[in-house]
Amino acid sequence: MKFGIRLIGYLGTIHELVRLAVLAEQAGFDYVWFPHDTFMANTWVITSAVAAHTSRIQIGSVGTNPYTTTPSEVATYIATLDELSHGRAVLGLGVHTDKMVEWTGISASDYMVRTREAVDIIRALLRGEVVAYQGEAFHWTGQCYLRFKPYRAALPIYVCAFGAQYLALSGAIGDGSLPMITPPESAAYMVAEITAGARAAGRNPADVDIAGCGWLSLAENRGDATEVLRRMISYFGPYLEAPALATIGLVPEDFRAISQMVEEGRYDEAAGLVTDQMTDLAIRGTPQDIIRRIESIAAMGITQVSLGGPLGPDPAEAIRLMGEKVMPYFRS
């Protein structure tokens, strides 16, 4: 099992996110990921700062989408980050929901075609090719090529996806897949679709790193770990897909009132409507609780657990507990 950590903007200032990334490297995490969410602090700037302050950990973005960022921008970003970090850059390309893209008035209805073509284009650019690409979503001329030599001609591209067909696509074309395993029980459904996609493409599913993106809340006290989840679940819960929610007995309609309050900016009231059942969307509790949950998702086929969300009442303490009490269990 590989371990990743996802650091979201709600955890603090940019300087705090960089500090937490450094702590994650010291604790033994293999990857640090930064969600590339619409209208949040810019992931490309943050990952560059992290590259300058770390030496071992792999650094990546999650949900860099091929709509508000074009393949040309993505390729130059990831190639530059790879050089800056001496070969530690990874790319999480795609979307976990089309709704946030559509905030900007852009239709994301062709996300499967656009993701597949963007992956093809970015790989060709990194190889140093002239990409006079004529696809369904992208139409490029012979002037489309990198004006500098990438540090690596190939680097890992993980596909962020949701829904059966998109998950299958991630298995077909990605070096890895970044499904949202919220709740953790949904991992089995996600893994089945991803591996089926890999097999249909003639690939060995073992060659695809399935990095399940779960929400973590870790503390020595289980109750403290639960309470800190409510605000985050109220914001992101309405975007979760029905098959995943169904694994713990929830349906999208359960979030309707919460979603309305969030849209109106009534965030505290929305958090107050989050039920205890909804907190089961996360990997939460004491170190022993976390170990049991990670064991269960590993048994479902997750090969990298990517832990995000609030992390815990004290994010730095949660990172310490992961490094001292959770990760050593899986590496002993």
C-alpha atoms as a PDB file:
ATOM      1  CA  MET A   1       0.000   0.000   0.000  1.00  0.00           C
ATOM      2  CA  LYS A   2       1.287   3.424  -0.969  1.00  0.00           C
ATOM      3  CA  PHE A   3       0.214   6.490   0.992  1.00  0.00           C
ATOM      4  CA  GLY A   4      -0.746   9.875  -0.387  1.00  0.00           C
ATOM      5  CA  ILE A   5      -2.085  12.968   1.320  1.00  0.00           C
ATOM      6  CA  ARG A   6      -4.338  15.591  -0.306  1.00  0.00           C
ATOM      7  CA  LEU A   7      -4.041  19.088   1.098  1.00  0.00           C
ATOM      8  CA  ILE A   8      -7.077  21.294   0.475  1.00  0.00           C
ATOM      9  CA  GLY A   9      -7.290  25.053   0.797  1.00  0.00           C
ATOM     10  CA  TYR A  10      -9.569  24.864   3.828  1.00  0.00           C
ATOM     11  CA  LEU A  11      -6.622  23.678   5.931  1.00  0.00           C
ATOM     12  CA  GLY A  12      -5.037  27.122   6.065  1.00  0.00           C
ATOM     13  CA  THR A  13      -2.920  29.647   4.222  1.00  0.00           C
ATOM     14  CA  ILE A  14      -0.604  28.762   1.368  1.00  0.00           C
ATOM     15  CA  HIS A  15       2.335  28.827   3.778  1.00  0.00           C
ATOM     16  CA  GLU A  16       0.481  26.400   6.053  1.00  0.00           C
ATOM     17  CA  LEU A  17      -0.170  24.018   3.163  1.00  0.00           C
ATOM     18  CA  VAL A  18       3.534  24.029   2.301  1.00  0.00           C
ATOM     19  CA  ARG A  19       4.371  23.379   5.974  1.00  0.00           C
ATOM     20  CA  LEU A  20       1.957  20.441   6.074  1.00  0.00           C
ATOM     21  CA  ALA A  21       3.491  19.029   2.886  1.00  0.00           C
ATOM     22  CA  VAL A  22       6.927  19.139   4.499  1.00  0.00           C
ATOM     23  CA  LEU A  23       5.525  17.381   7.579  1.00  0.00           C
ATOM     24  CA  ALA A  24       3.943  14.747   5.318  1.00  0.00           C
ATOM     25  CA  GLU A  25       7.283  14.020   3.697  1.00  0.00           C
ATOM     26  CA  GLN A  26       8.930  13.724   7.118  1.00  0.00           C
ATOM     27  CA  ALA A  27       6.131  11.405   8.282  1.00  0.00           C
ATOM     28  CA  GLY A  28       6.757   9.028   5.390  1.00  0.00           C
ATOM     29  CA  PHE A  29       3.981   9.769   2.898  1.00  0.00           C
ATOM     30  CA  ASP A  30       4.823   8.768  -0.675  1.00  0.00           C
ATOM     31  CA  TYR A  31       2.705  11.398  -2.447  1.00  0.00           C
ATOM     32  CA  VAL A  32       1.340  14.836  -1.694  1.00  0.00           C
ATOM     33  CA  TRP A  33      -1.600  15.872  -3.874  1.00  0.00           C
ATOM     34  CA  PHE A  34      -3.310  19.246  -4.194  1.00  0.00           C
ATOM     35  CA  PRO A  35      -6.898  19.426  -5.507  1.00  0.00           C
ATOM     36  CA  HIS A  36      -7.061  21.763  -8.489  1.00  0.00           C
ATOM     37  CA  ASP A  37     -10.536  23.041  -7.624  1.00  0.00           C
ATOM     38  CA  THR A  38     -12.224  25.868  -9.485  1.00  0.00           C
ATOM     39  CA  PHE A  39     -11.760  29.232  -7.728  1.00  0.00           C
ATOM     40  CA  MET A  40      -9.511  27.815  -4.981  1.00  0.00           C
ATOM     41  CA  ALA A  41      -5.881  28.834  -4.419  1.00  0.00           C
ATOM     42  CA  ASN A  42      -3.795  27.982  -7.462  1.00  0.00           C
ATOM     43  CA  THR A  43      -2.426  24.469  -7.290  1.00  0.00           C
ATOM     44  CA  TRP A  44       0.402  25.111  -9.714  1.00  0.00           C
ATOM     45  CA  VAL A  45       1.891  27.801  -7.487  1.00  0.00           C
ATOM     46  CA  ILE A  46       1.529  25.662  -4.360  1.00  0.00           C
ATOM     47  CA  THR A  47       3.103  22.550  -5.906  1.00  0.00           C
ATOM     48  CA  SER A  48       6.044  24.645  -7.091  1.00  0.00           C
ATOM     49  CA  ALA A  49       6.606  25.924  -3.555  1.00  0.00           C
ATOM     50  CA  VAL A  50       6.385  22.393  -2.189  1.00  0.00           C
ATOM     51  CA  ALA A  51       8.922  21.174  -4.746  1.00  0.00           C
ATOM     52  CA  ALA A  52      11.387  23.773  -3.451  1.00  0.00           C
ATOM     53  CA  HIS A  53      10.890  22.734   0.182  1.00  0.00           C
ATOM     54  CA  THR A  54      10.965  18.921  -0.153  1.00  0.00           C
ATOM     55  CA  SER A  55      13.335  16.352  -1.611  1.00  0.00           C
ATOM     56  CA  ARG A  56      11.660  12.932  -1.769  1.00  0.00           C
ATOM     57  CA  ILE A  57       7.870  13.027  -1.866  1.00  0.00           C
ATOM     58  CA  GLN A  58       6.020  12.820  -5.206  1.00  0.00           C
ATOM     59  CA  ILE A  59       4.009  15.993  -5.930  1.00  0.00           C
ATOM     60  CA  GLY A  60       0.824  16.171  -7.934  1.00  0.00           C
ATOM     61  CA  SER A  61      -2.405  17.949  -8.723  1.00  0.00           C
ATOM     62  CA  VAL A  62      -5.822  16.288  -8.523  1.00  0.00           C
ATOM     63  CA  GLY A  63      -8.587  17.308 -10.897  1.00  0.00           C
ATOM     64  CA  THR A  64      -6.639  19.527 -13.260  1.00  0.00           C
ATOM     65  CA  ASN A  65      -9.383  19.727 -15.851  1.00  0.00           C
ATOM     66  CA  PRO A  66      -8.984  20.086 -19.634  1.00  0.00           C
ATOM     67  CA  TYR A  67     -11.581  22.866 -19.802  1.00  0.00           C
ATOM     68  CA  THR A  68     -10.467  25.806 -17.689  1.00  0.00           C
ATOM     69  CA  THR A  69      -6.874  24.649 -18.309  1.00  0.00           C
ATOM     70  CA  THR A  70      -5.880  23.591 -21.829  1.00  0.00           C
ATOM     71  CA  PRO A  71      -3.503  20.679 -22.566  1.00  0.00           C
ATOM     72  CA  SER A  72      -0.839  23.210 -23.593  1.00  0.00           C
ATOM     73  CA  GLU A  73      -0.950  24.858 -20.158  1.00  0.00           C
ATOM     74  CA  VAL A  74      -1.108  21.526 -18.357  1.00  0.00           C
ATOM     75  CA  ALA A  75       1.863  20.112 -20.261  1.00  0.00           C
ATOM     76  CA  THR A  76       4.062  23.150 -19.683  1.00  0.00           C
ATOM     77  CA  TYR A  77       3.067  23.226 -16.004  1.00  0.00           C
ATOM     78  CA  ILE A  78       3.778  19.571 -15.286  1.00  0.00           C
ATOM     79  CA  ALA A  79       7.023  19.570 -17.281  1.00  0.00           C
ATOM     80  CA  THR A  80       8.227  22.656 -15.419  1.00  0.00           C
ATOM     81  CA  LEU A  81       7.260  21.176 -12.049  1.00  0.00           C
ATOM     82  CA  ASP A  82       9.056  17.943 -12.968  1.00  0.00           C
ATOM     83  CA  GLU A  83      12.277  19.813 -13.660  1.00  0.00           C
ATOM     84  CA  LEU A  84      11.946  21.922 -10.529  1.00  0.00           C
ATOM     85  CA  SER A  85      11.374  18.812  -8.385  1.00  0.00           C
ATOM     86  CA  HIS A  86      14.038  16.688 -10.129  1.00  0.00           C
ATOM     87  CA  GLY A  87      11.545  14.158 -11.462  1.00  0.00           C
ATOM     88  CA  ARG A  88       8.926  14.046  -8.697  1.00  0.00           C
ATOM     89  CA  ALA A  89       5.918  15.448 -10.565  1.00  0.00           C
ATOM     90  CA  VAL A  90       2.721  13.483 -11.154  1.00  0.00           C
ATOM     91  CA  LEU A  91      -0.421  14.717 -12.874  1.00  0.00           C
ATOM     92  CA  GLY A  92      -4.019  14.071 -11.859  1.00  0.00           C
ATOM     93  CA  LEU A  93      -6.031  15.025 -14.962  1.00  0.00           C
ATOM     94  CA  GLY A  94      -9.806  14.981 -15.320  1.00  0.00           C
ATOM     95  CA  VAL A  95     -12.845  15.846 -13.228  1.00  0.00           C
ATOM     96  CA  HIS A  96     -14.629  14.349 -10.237  1.00  0.00           C
ATOM     97  CA  THR A  97     -17.728  16.369 -11.106  1.00  0.00           C
ATOM     98  CA  ASP A  98     -18.739  18.321 -14.183  1.00  0.00           C
ATOM     99  CA  LYS A  99     -20.735  20.832 -12.140  1.00  0.00           C
ATOM    100  CA  MET A 100     -17.794  22.969 -10.988  1.00  0.00           C
ATOM    101  CA  VAL A 101     -16.603  23.421 -14.570  1.00  0.00           C
ATOM    102  CA  GLU A 102     -20.094  24.455 -15.591  1.00  0.00           C
ATOM    103  CA  TRP A 103     -20.031  27.269 -13.003  1.00  0.00           C
ATOM    104  CA  THR A 104     -17.961  29.136 -15.582  1.00  0.00           C
ATOM    105  CA  GLY A 105     -20.506  28.669 -18.366  1.00  0.00           C
ATOM    106  CA  ILE A 106     -18.502  25.911 -20.080  1.00  0.00           C
ATOM    107  CA  SER A 107     -20.349  22.701 -20.888  1.00  0.00           C
ATOM    108  CA  ALA A 108     -18.412  19.687 -19.629  1.00  0.00           C
ATOM    109  CA  SER A 109     -20.694  17.148 -21.298  1.00  0.00           C
ATOM    110  CA  ASP A 110     -17.845  15.740 -23.433  1.00  0.00           C
ATOM    111  CA  TYR A 111     -15.551  15.064 -20.461  1.00  0.00           C
ATOM    112  CA  MET A 112     -14.672  11.531 -21.596  1.00  0.00           C
ATOM    113  CA  VAL A 113     -13.610  12.557 -25.096  1.00  0.00           C
ATOM    114  CA  ARG A 114     -11.848  15.647 -23.829  1.00  0.00           C
ATOM    115  CA  THR A 115      -9.956  13.727 -21.123  1.00  0.00           C
ATOM    116  CA  ARG A 116      -8.822  10.995 -23.508  1.00  0.00           C
ATOM    117  CA  GLU A 117      -7.603  13.510 -26.086  1.00  0.00           C
ATOM    118  CA  ALA A 118      -5.908  15.682 -23.461  1.00  0.00           C
ATOM    119  CA  VAL A 119      -3.954  12.690 -22.134  1.00  0.00           C
ATOM    120  CA  ASP A 120      -2.846  11.814 -25.683  1.00  0.00           C
ATOM    121  CA  ILE A 121      -1.784  15.401 -26.373  1.00  0.00           C
ATOM    122  CA  ILE A 122       0.112  15.907 -23.101  1.00  0.00           C
ATOM    123  CA  ARG A 123       2.033  12.666 -23.534  1.00  0.00           C
ATOM    124  CA  ALA A 124       2.980  13.622 -27.097  1.00  0.00           C
ATOM    125  CA  LEU A 125       4.136  17.080 -26.004  1.00  0.00           C
ATOM    126  CA  LEU A 126       6.302  15.580 -23.252  1.00  0.00           C
ATOM    127  CA  ARG A 127       7.873  13.254 -25.814  1.00  0.00           C
ATOM    128  CA  GLY A 128       8.939  16.330 -27.784  1.00  0.00           C
ATOM    129  CA  GLU A 129       6.555  15.781 -30.669  1.00  0.00           C
ATOM    130  CA  VAL A 130       4.874  18.314 -32.909  1.00  0.00           C
ATOM    131  CA  VAL A 131       1.194  17.869 -32.027  1.00  0.00           C
ATOM    132  CA  ALA A 132      -0.827  18.858 -35.091  1.00  0.00           C
ATOM    133  CA  TYR A 133      -3.811  17.178 -33.472  1.00  0.00           C
ATOM    134  CA  GLN A 134      -7.210  16.878 -35.122  1.00  0.00           C
ATOM    135  CA  GLY A 135      -9.630  15.280 -32.714  1.00  0.00           C
ATOM    136  CA  GLU A 136     -13.208  15.788 -31.617  1.00  0.00           C
ATOM    137  CA  ALA A 137     -12.405  18.286 -28.852  1.00  0.00           C
ATOM    138  CA  PHE A 138      -9.007  19.686 -29.878  1.00  0.00           C
ATOM    139  CA  HIS A 139      -7.842  21.023 -33.239  1.00  0.00           C
ATOM    140  CA  TRP A 140      -4.180  22.004 -33.186  1.00  0.00           C
ATOM    141  CA  THR A 141      -1.759  23.240 -35.822  1.00  0.00           C
ATOM    142  CA  GLY A 142       1.852  22.359 -36.565  1.00  0.00           C
ATOM    143  CA  GLN A 143       3.000  25.141 -34.233  1.00  0.00           C
ATOM    144  CA  CYS A 144       1.959  23.106 -31.186  1.00  0.00           C
ATOM    145  CA  TYR A 145       5.112  21.731 -29.553  1.00  0.00           C
ATOM    146  CA  LEU A 146       7.169  22.474 -26.444  1.00  0.00           C
ATOM    147  CA  ARG A 147       9.928  25.031 -26.878  1.00  0.00           C
ATOM    148  CA  PHE A 148      11.989  23.378 -24.133  1.00  0.00           C
ATOM    149  CA  LYS A 149      13.108  19.827 -23.366  1.00  0.00           C
ATOM    150  CA  PRO A 150      11.171  18.185 -20.519  1.00  0.00           C
ATOM    151  CA  TYR A 151      13.100  16.708 -17.616  1.00  0.00           C
ATOM    152  CA  ARG A 152      11.400  13.372 -18.380  1.00  0.00           C
ATOM    153  CA  ALA A 153       9.822  12.312 -21.654  1.00  0.00           C
ATOM    154  CA  ALA A 154       7.130  10.462 -19.719  1.00  0.00           C
ATOM    155  CA  LEU A 155       5.746  11.011 -16.253  1.00  0.00           C
ATOM    156  CA  PRO A 156       2.785   9.430 -14.455  1.00  0.00           C
ATOM    157  CA  ILE A 157      -0.640  10.655 -15.505  1.00  0.00           C
ATOM    158  CA  TYR A 158      -3.480   9.677 -13.182  1.00  0.00           C
ATOM    159  CA  VAL A 159      -7.012  10.119 -14.480  1.00  0.00           C
ATOM    160  CA  CYS A 160      -9.606  11.612 -12.130  1.00  0.00           C
ATOM    161  CA  ALA A 161     -12.991  10.121 -12.934  1.00  0.00           C
ATOM    162  CA  PHE A 162     -16.505   9.374 -11.754  1.00  0.00           C
ATOM    163  CA  GLY A 163     -19.244   7.091 -13.064  1.00  0.00           C
ATOM    164  CA  ALA A 164     -18.785   3.631 -14.554  1.00  0.00           C
ATOM    165  CA  GLN A 165     -17.667   4.601 -18.061  1.00  0.00           C
ATOM    166  CA  TYR A 166     -15.291   7.337 -16.957  1.00  0.00           C
ATOM    167  CA  LEU A 167     -13.744   5.075 -14.312  1.00  0.00           C
ATOM    168  CA  ALA A 168     -13.241   2.412 -16.999  1.00  0.00           C
ATOM    169  CA  LEU A 169     -11.542   5.020 -19.188  1.00  0.00           C
ATOM    170  CA  SER A 170      -9.144   5.838 -16.347  1.00  0.00           C
ATOM    171  CA  GLY A 171      -8.142   2.177 -16.242  1.00  0.00           C
ATOM    172  CA  ALA A 172      -7.742   2.081 -20.000  1.00  0.00           C
ATOM    173  CA  ILE A 173      -5.474   5.125 -20.418  1.00  0.00           C
ATOM    174  CA  GLY A 174      -4.077   6.172 -17.046  1.00  0.00           C
ATOM    175  CA  ASP A 175      -0.824   5.266 -15.354  1.00  0.00           C
ATOM    176  CA  GLY A 176      -3.076   5.568 -12.335  1.00  0.00           C
ATOM    177  CA  SER A 177      -6.651   6.370 -11.419  1.00  0.00           C
ATOM    178  CA  LEU A 178      -7.867   8.799  -8.768  1.00  0.00           C
ATOM    179  CA  PRO A 179     -11.435   7.765  -7.870  1.00  0.00           C
ATOM    180  CA  MET A 180     -13.256   9.394  -4.970  1.00  0.00           C
ATOM    181  CA  ILE A 181     -13.853   6.614  -2.431  1.00  0.00           C
ATOM    182  CA  THR A 182     -16.375   8.553  -0.402  1.00  0.00           C
ATOM    183  CA  PRO A 183     -17.542   6.471   1.343  1.00  0.00           C
ATOM    184  CA  PRO A 184     -14.739   3.895   1.637  1.00  0.00           C
ATOM    185  CA  GLU A 185     -17.294   1.139   1.002  1.00  0.00           C
ATOM    186  CA  SER A 186     -17.594   2.401  -2.585  1.00  0.00           C
ATOM    187  CA  ALA A 187     -14.003   1.336  -3.330  1.00  0.00           C
ATOM    188  CA  ALA A 188     -15.100  -2.103  -4.539  1.00  0.00           C
ATOM    189  CA  TYR A 189     -17.405  -0.572  -7.158  1.00  0.00           C
ATOM    190  CA  MET A 190     -14.701   1.873  -8.279  1.00  0.00           C
ATOM    191  CA  VAL A 191     -11.975  -0.792  -8.526  1.00  0.00           C
ATOM    192  CA  ALA A 192     -14.223  -3.152 -10.521  1.00  0.00           C
ATOM    193  CA  GLU A 193     -14.891  -0.507 -13.176  1.00  0.00           C
ATOM    194  CA  ILE A 194     -11.257   0.617 -13.372  1.00  0.00           C
ATOM    195  CA  THR A 195      -9.878  -2.910 -13.722  1.00  0.00           C
ATOM    196  CA  ALA A 196     -12.525  -3.805 -16.296  1.00  0.00           C
ATOM    197  CA  GLY A 197     -11.467  -0.788 -18.339  1.00  0.00           C
ATOM    198  CA  ALA A 198      -7.825  -1.823 -18.141  1.00  0.00           C
ATOM    199  CA  ARG A 199      -8.590  -5.364 -19.285  1.00  0.00           C
ATOM    200  CA  ALA A 200     -10.791  -4.148 -22.150  1.00  0.00           C
ATOM    201  CA  ALA A 201      -7.838  -2.040 -23.346  1.00  0.00           C
ATOM    202  CA  GLY A 202      -5.545  -5.067 -23.246  1.00  0.00           C
ATOM    203  CA  ARG A 203      -3.681  -3.870 -20.173  1.00  0.00           C
ATOM    204  CA  ASN A 204      -2.681  -5.665 -16.999  1.00  0.00           C
ATOM    205  CA  PRO A 205      -4.811  -4.058 -14.245  1.00  0.00           C
ATOM    206  CA  ALA A 206      -1.825  -4.389 -11.901  1.00  0.00           C
ATOM    207  CA  ASP A 207      -0.085  -1.725 -13.990  1.00  0.00           C
ATOM    208  CA  VAL A 208      -2.679   0.874 -12.928  1.00  0.00           C
ATOM    209  CA  ASP A 209      -2.094   2.490  -9.535  1.00  0.00           C
ATOM    210  CA  ILE A 210      -5.584   2.902  -8.091  1.00  0.00           C
ATOM    211  CA  ALA A 211      -5.199   5.855  -5.741  1.00  0.00           C
ATOM    212  CA  GLY A 212      -8.472   5.990  -3.843  1.00  0.00           C
ATOM    213  CA  CYS A 213      -9.254   9.530  -2.697  1.00  0.00           C
ATOM    214  CA  GLY A 214     -10.828   9.280   0.746  1.00  0.00           C
ATOM    215  CA  TRP A 215     -11.622  11.875   3.375  1.00  0.00           C
ATOM    216  CA  LEU A 216      -9.599  11.481   6.573  1.00  0.00           C
ATOM    217  CA  SER A 217     -10.337  12.668  10.069  1.00  0.00           C
ATOM    218  CA  LEU A 218      -7.878  11.214  12.572  1.00  0.00           C
ATOM    219  CA  ALA A 219      -7.557  11.949  16.289  1.00  0.00           C
ATOM    220  CA  GLU A 220      -6.913  10.081  19.503  1.00  0.00           C
ATOM    221  CA  ASN A 221     -10.566  10.806  20.385  1.00  0.00           C
ATOM    222  CA  ARG A 222     -13.164   9.399  17.977  1.00  0.00           C
ATOM    223  CA  GLY A 223     -15.758  12.069  18.766  1.00  0.00           C
ATOM    224  CA  ASP A 224     -13.375  14.894  17.959  1.00  0.00           C
ATOM    225  CA  ALA A 225     -12.542  13.231  14.650  1.00  0.00           C
ATOM    226  CA  THR A 226     -16.227  13.059  13.731  1.00  0.00           C
ATOM    227  CA  GLU A 227     -17.238  16.640  14.500  1.00  0.00           C
ATOM    228  CA  VAL A 228     -14.634  18.308  12.317  1.00  0.00           C
ATOM    229  CA  LEU A 229     -16.007  16.554   9.227  1.00  0.00           C
ATOM    230  CA  ARG A 230     -19.405  18.214   9.098  1.00  0.00           C
ATOM    231  CA  ARG A 231     -18.532  21.478   7.359  1.00  0.00           C
ATOM    232  CA  MET A 232     -16.541  19.779   4.613  1.00  0.00           C
ATOM    233  CA  ILE A 233     -19.197  17.120   4.005  1.00  0.00           C
ATOM    234  CA  SER A 234     -21.854  19.825   3.707  1.00  0.00           C
ATOM    235  CA  TYR A 235     -19.863  21.482   0.898  1.00  0.00           C
ATOM    236  CA  PHE A 236     -18.735  18.456  -1.115  1.00  0.00           C
ATOM    237  CA  GLY A 237     -21.376  15.849  -0.226  1.00  0.00           C
ATOM    238  CA  PRO A 238     -23.950  17.133  -2.756  1.00  0.00           C
ATOM    239  CA  TYR A 239     -21.521  16.370  -5.610  1.00  0.00           C
ATOM    240  CA  LEU A 240     -21.063  12.675  -4.775  1.00  0.00           C
ATOM    241  CA  GLU A 241     -22.498  10.112  -7.161  1.00  0.00           C
ATOM    242  CA  ALA A 242     -25.480   7.927  -6.340  1.00  0.00           C
ATOM    243  CA  PRO A 243     -23.812   4.469  -6.604  1.00  0.00           C
ATOM    244  CA  ALA A 244     -21.153   5.503  -4.088  1.00  0.00           C
ATOM    245  CA  LEU A 245     -23.662   7.022  -1.647  1.00  0.00           C
ATOM    246  CA  ALA A 246     -25.827   3.916  -1.889  1.00  0.00           C
ATOM    247  CA  THR A 247     -23.098   1.762  -0.339  1.00  0.00           C
ATOM    248  CA  ILE A 248     -23.894   3.341   3.048  1.00  0.00           C
ATOM    249  CA  GLY A 249     -27.598   3.823   2.496  1.00  0.00           C
ATOM    250  CA  LEU A 250     -27.590   7.449   1.324  1.00  0.00           C
ATOM    251  CA  VAL A 251     -29.076   9.017  -1.806  1.00  0.00           C
ATOM    252  CA  PRO A 252     -28.347  12.387  -3.463  1.00  0.00           C
ATOM    253  CA  GLU A 253     -31.717  13.708  -2.254  1.00  0.00           C
ATOM    254  CA  ASP A 254     -30.440  13.485   1.325  1.00  0.00           C
ATOM    255  CA  PHE A 255     -28.207  16.467   0.511  1.00  0.00           C
ATOM    256  CA  ARG A 256     -30.833  18.656  -1.158  1.00  0.00           C
ATOM    257  CA  ALA A 257     -31.470  20.993   1.780  1.00  0.00           C
ATOM    258  CA  ILE A 258     -27.758  21.121   2.576  1.00  0.00           C
ATOM    259  CA  SER A 259     -26.936  22.018  -1.017  1.00  0.00           C
ATOM    260  CA  GLN A 260     -29.485  24.834  -1.005  1.00  0.00           C
ATOM    261  CA  MET A 261     -27.966  26.372   2.119  1.00  0.00           C
ATOM    262  CA  VAL A 262     -24.457  26.153   0.675  1.00  0.00           C
ATOM    263  CA  GLU A 263     -25.609  27.896  -2.501  1.00  0.00           C
ATOM    264  CA  GLU A 264     -27.045  30.667  -0.308  1.00  0.00           C
ATOM    265  CA  GLY A 265     -23.775  30.974   1.639  1.00  0.00           C
ATOM    266  CA  ARG A 266     -25.327  29.635   4.869  1.00  0.00           C
ATOM    267  CA  TYR A 267     -22.379  27.361   5.574  1.00  0.00           C
ATOM    268  CA  ASP A 268     -22.804  26.935   9.345  1.00  0.00           C
ATOM    269  CA  GLU A 269     -26.453  25.993   8.955  1.00  0.00           C
ATOM    270  CA  ALA A 270     -25.559  23.540   6.194  1.00  0.00           C
ATOM    271  CA  ALA A 271     -22.945  21.884   8.412  1.00  0.00           C
ATOM    272  CA  GLY A 272     -25.559  21.549  11.146  1.00  0.00           C
ATOM    273  CA  LEU A 273     -27.677  19.379   8.856  1.00  0.00           C
ATOM    274  CA  VAL A 274     -24.932  16.818   8.307  1.00  0.00           C
ATOM    275  CA  THR A 275     -26.022  13.605  10.028  1.00  0.00           C
ATOM    276  CA  ASP A 276     -23.871  11.048  11.809  1.00  0.00           C
ATOM    277  CA  GLN A 277     -24.582   8.663   8.937  1.00  0.00           C
ATOM    278  CA  MET A 278     -23.114  11.192   6.523  1.00  0.00           C
ATOM    279  CA  THR A 279     -19.866  11.284   8.500  1.00  0.00           C
ATOM    280  CA  ASP A 280     -19.422   7.636   7.466  1.00  0.00           C
ATOM    281  CA  LEU A 281     -18.432   9.055   4.091  1.00  0.00           C
ATOM    282  CA  ALA A 282     -14.992   9.537   5.635  1.00  0.00           C
ATOM    283  CA  ILE A 283     -12.206   7.383   7.016  1.00  0.00           C
ATOM    284  CA  ARG A 284     -12.505   8.661  10.568  1.00  0.00           C
ATOM    285  CA  GLY A 285     -11.613   7.867  14.154  1.00  0.00           C
ATOM    286  CA  THR A 286      -8.591   6.770  16.142  1.00  0.00           C
ATOM    287  CA  PRO A 287      -5.392   5.314  14.662  1.00  0.00           C
ATOM    288  CA  GLN A 288      -6.776   1.794  15.152  1.00  0.00           C
ATOM    289  CA  ASP A 289     -10.011   2.788  13.412  1.00  0.00           C
ATOM    290  CA  ILE A 290      -8.020   4.161  10.481  1.00  0.00           C
ATOM    291  CA  ILE A 291      -5.921   1.004  10.229  1.00  0.00           C
ATOM    292  CA  ARG A 292      -9.030  -1.175  10.020  1.00  0.00           C
ATOM    293  CA  ARG A 293     -10.588   1.054   7.358  1.00  0.00           C
ATOM    294  CA  ILE A 294      -7.442   1.098   5.226  1.00  0.00           C
ATOM    295  CA  GLU A 295      -7.145  -2.676   5.525  1.00  0.00           C
ATOM    296  CA  SER A 296     -10.674  -3.018   4.177  1.00  0.00           C
ATOM    297  CA  ILE A 297     -10.109  -0.790   1.147  1.00  0.00           C
ATOM    298  CA  ALA A 298      -6.784  -2.483   0.418  1.00  0.00           C
ATOM    299  CA  ALA A 299      -8.685  -5.769   0.306  1.00  0.00           C
ATOM    300  CA  MET A 300     -10.987  -4.176  -2.296  1.00  0.00           C
ATOM    301  CA  GLY A 301      -8.025  -3.447  -4.585  1.00  0.00           C
ATOM    302  CA  ILE A 302      -6.962   0.095  -3.726  1.00  0.00           C
ATOM    303  CA  THR A 303      -3.176   0.299  -4.167  1.00  0.00           C
ATOM    304  CA  GLN A 304      -2.628   3.871  -2.940  1.00  0.00           C
ATOM    305  CA  VAL A 305      -4.769   5.512  -0.293  1.00  0.00           C
ATOM    306  CA  SER A 306      -4.926   9.267  -0.898  1.00  0.00           C
ATOM    307  CA  LEU A 307      -6.125  10.895   2.307  1.00  0.00           C
ATOM    308  CA  GLY A 308      -7.676  14.345   2.164  1.00  0.00           C
ATOM    309  CA  GLY A 309     -10.408  16.378   3.785  1.00  0.00           C
ATOM    310  CA  PRO A 310      -9.894  17.978   7.170  1.00  0.00           C
ATOM    311  CA  LEU A 311      -7.322  15.282   8.126  1.00  0.00           C
ATOM    312  CA  GLY A 312      -8.406  15.778  11.740  1.00  0.00           C
ATOM    313  CA  PRO A 313      -9.117  18.456  14.367  1.00  0.00           C
ATOM    314  CA  ASP A 314      -5.387  19.251  14.201  1.00  0.00           C
ATOM    315  CA  PRO A 315      -4.021  18.490  10.698  1.00  0.00           C
ATOM    316  CA  ALA A 316      -0.383  18.462  11.807  1.00  0.00           C
ATOM    317  CA  GLU A 317      -1.210  16.068  14.648  1.00  0.00           C
ATOM    318  CA  ALA A 318      -3.107  13.825  12.211  1.00  0.00           C
ATOM    319  CA  ILE A 319      -0.035  13.690   9.963  1.00  0.00           C
ATOM    320  CA  ARG A 320       2.110  12.784  12.979  1.00  0.00           C
ATOM    321  CA  LEU A 321      -0.290  10.001  13.984  1.00  0.00           C
ATOM    322  CA  MET A 322      -0.270   8.644  10.436  1.00  0.00           C
ATOM    323  CA  GLY A 323       3.521   8.594  10.469  1.00  0.00           C
ATOM    324  CA  GLU A 324       3.917   7.072  13.925  1.00  0.00           C
ATOM    325  CA  LYS A 325       0.908   4.776  14.332  1.00  0.00           C
ATOM    326  CA  VAL A 326      -0.788   4.023  11.010  1.00  0.00           C
ATOM    327  CA  MET A 327       1.687   3.769   8.129  1.00  0.00           C
ATOM    328  CA  PRO A 328       4.244   1.671  10.089  1.00  0.00           C
ATOM    329  CA  TYR A 329       1.546  -0.987  10.566  1.00  0.00           C
ATOM    330  CA  PHE A 330       1.340  -1.489   6.796  1.00  0.00           C
ATOM    331  CA  ARG A 331       5.098  -1.368   6.261  1.00  0.00           C
ATOM    332  CA  SER A 332       6.189  -3.719   9.010  1.00  0.00           C
END
